[in-house]
Protein backbone atom coordinates (compact mmCIF):
# COMPACT_ATOMS: atom_id res chain seq x y z
CA MET A 1 163.01 132.90 16.00
CA THR A 2 159.93 131.91 14.03
CA GLY A 3 161.80 128.96 12.53
CA ILE A 4 162.53 127.51 15.95
CA LEU A 5 158.96 128.06 17.12
CA LEU A 6 157.63 126.42 13.97
CA ILE A 7 159.76 123.32 14.62
CA VAL A 8 158.56 123.26 18.24
CA GLN A 9 154.97 123.54 16.94
CA ILE A 10 155.40 120.49 14.71
CA VAL A 11 156.97 118.47 17.55
CA LEU A 12 154.11 119.45 19.88
CA VAL A 13 151.54 118.36 17.30
CA VAL A 14 153.15 114.94 16.96
CA MET A 15 153.33 114.53 20.74
CA ILE A 16 149.67 115.54 21.19
CA VAL A 17 148.57 113.07 18.52
CA ILE A 18 150.52 110.27 20.22
CA ALA A 19 149.13 111.19 23.67
CA VAL A 20 145.55 111.26 22.38
CA LEU A 21 145.89 107.96 20.51
CA LEU A 22 147.30 106.22 23.60
CA GLN A 23 144.34 107.20 25.78
CA LYS A 24 141.68 104.64 26.49
CA SER A 25 138.42 105.31 24.71
CA SER A 26 135.01 103.66 24.87
CA SER A 27 135.98 101.43 21.95
CA ILE A 28 139.38 100.68 23.53
CA GLY A 29 141.35 101.95 20.48
CA LEU A 30 145.10 102.01 21.00
CA GLY A 31 144.69 102.18 24.79
CA ALA A 32 144.19 98.41 25.06
CA TYR A 33 147.71 97.96 26.44
CA SER A 34 146.68 99.06 29.96
CA GLY A 35 144.78 95.97 31.10
CA SER A 36 147.24 94.66 33.69
CA ASN A 37 147.28 95.56 37.40
CA ASP A 38 151.06 95.19 37.36
CA SER A 39 151.54 98.09 34.97
CA VAL A 40 153.92 100.96 35.57
CA PHE A 41 151.07 103.37 36.30
CA GLY A 42 149.24 101.17 38.82
CA ALA A 43 145.79 99.56 38.79
CA LYS A 44 144.07 102.55 37.19
CA GLY A 45 146.45 102.48 34.27
CA PRO A 46 147.94 105.53 32.57
CA ALA A 47 144.61 107.36 32.22
CA GLY A 48 145.41 110.10 34.74
CA PHE A 49 148.95 110.59 33.51
CA LEU A 50 147.95 110.71 29.85
CA THR A 51 145.14 113.15 30.59
CA LYS A 52 147.51 115.51 32.41
CA ALA A 53 150.17 115.12 29.72
CA THR A 54 147.63 115.88 26.99
CA PHE A 55 146.41 118.96 28.86
CA PHE A 56 149.98 120.19 29.39
CA LEU A 57 150.94 119.59 25.75
CA GLY A 58 147.76 121.33 24.62
CA PHE A 59 148.59 124.33 26.82
CA LEU A 60 152.11 124.50 25.35
CA PHE A 61 150.61 124.24 21.85
CA VAL A 62 148.30 127.21 22.47
CA VAL A 63 151.11 129.33 23.97
CA ASN A 64 153.39 128.47 21.06
CA THR A 65 150.64 129.33 18.57
CA VAL A 66 150.12 132.74 20.16
CA ALA A 67 153.87 133.39 20.13
CA LEU A 68 154.10 132.39 16.46
CA GLY A 69 151.23 134.73 15.62
CA TYR A 70 152.92 137.59 17.46
CA PHE A 71 156.29 137.11 15.75
CA TYR A 72 154.72 136.71 12.29
CA ALA A 73 152.78 139.95 12.87
CA GLN A 74 156.00 141.73 13.84
CA GLN A 75 157.69 140.51 10.65
CA LYS A 76 154.76 141.72 8.58
CA ASN A 77 155.16 145.26 9.99
CA ALA A 78 158.76 145.40 8.76
CA SER A 79 159.30 146.66 5.24
CA VAL A 80 161.82 145.47 2.71
CA VAL A 81 162.57 149.09 1.86
CA ASP A 82 163.83 149.63 5.43
CA GLU A 83 166.61 147.12 4.76
CA ILE A 84 167.87 148.73 1.54
CA VAL A 85 171.17 150.53 2.02
CA ASP A 86 171.81 153.50 -0.23
CA LYS A 87 175.19 152.82 -1.85
CA ASN A 88 175.03 155.65 -4.37
CA THR A 89 178.45 157.29 -4.59
CA ILE A 90 177.76 159.33 -7.74
CA ALA A 91 177.42 163.01 -7.06
CA ALA A 92 174.50 164.82 -8.61
CA PRO A 93 175.45 167.25 -11.37
CA THR A 94 175.44 170.90 -10.42
CA ILE A 95 173.92 173.66 -12.49
CA ASN A 96 175.96 176.79 -12.93
CA VAL A 97 173.76 179.83 -12.80
CA VAL A 98 175.08 182.73 -14.83
CA SER A 99 173.78 186.04 -13.75
CA ASP A 100 172.99 188.22 -16.68
CA THR A 101 173.22 191.80 -15.50
CA ASN A 102 172.69 193.20 -19.01
CA ALA A 103 169.20 191.71 -19.22
CA THR A 104 167.91 193.82 -16.34
CA LYS A 105 169.05 197.15 -17.91
């Protein structure tokens, strides 16, 4: 389970980085593509959509991080000794006790 969540975590990180880099900043950055009024997102550009997408991806990132922490903590509580199966088929030697009745007389 932790392997799947770790892969999801890496994908979320990449998506958040892309969403943040596409947003328009004060120095324009990589958001310079949104200058046209005929864009897919309308006259305001993709600012509202990218903000909501970044918030949603950030929320998923936090939830996934908490889930990863929980599952890693559960794995840490498990012991390797609990998984060892006793396959000992050798019987323990028995000690024959001889009662010495002459010693008590």
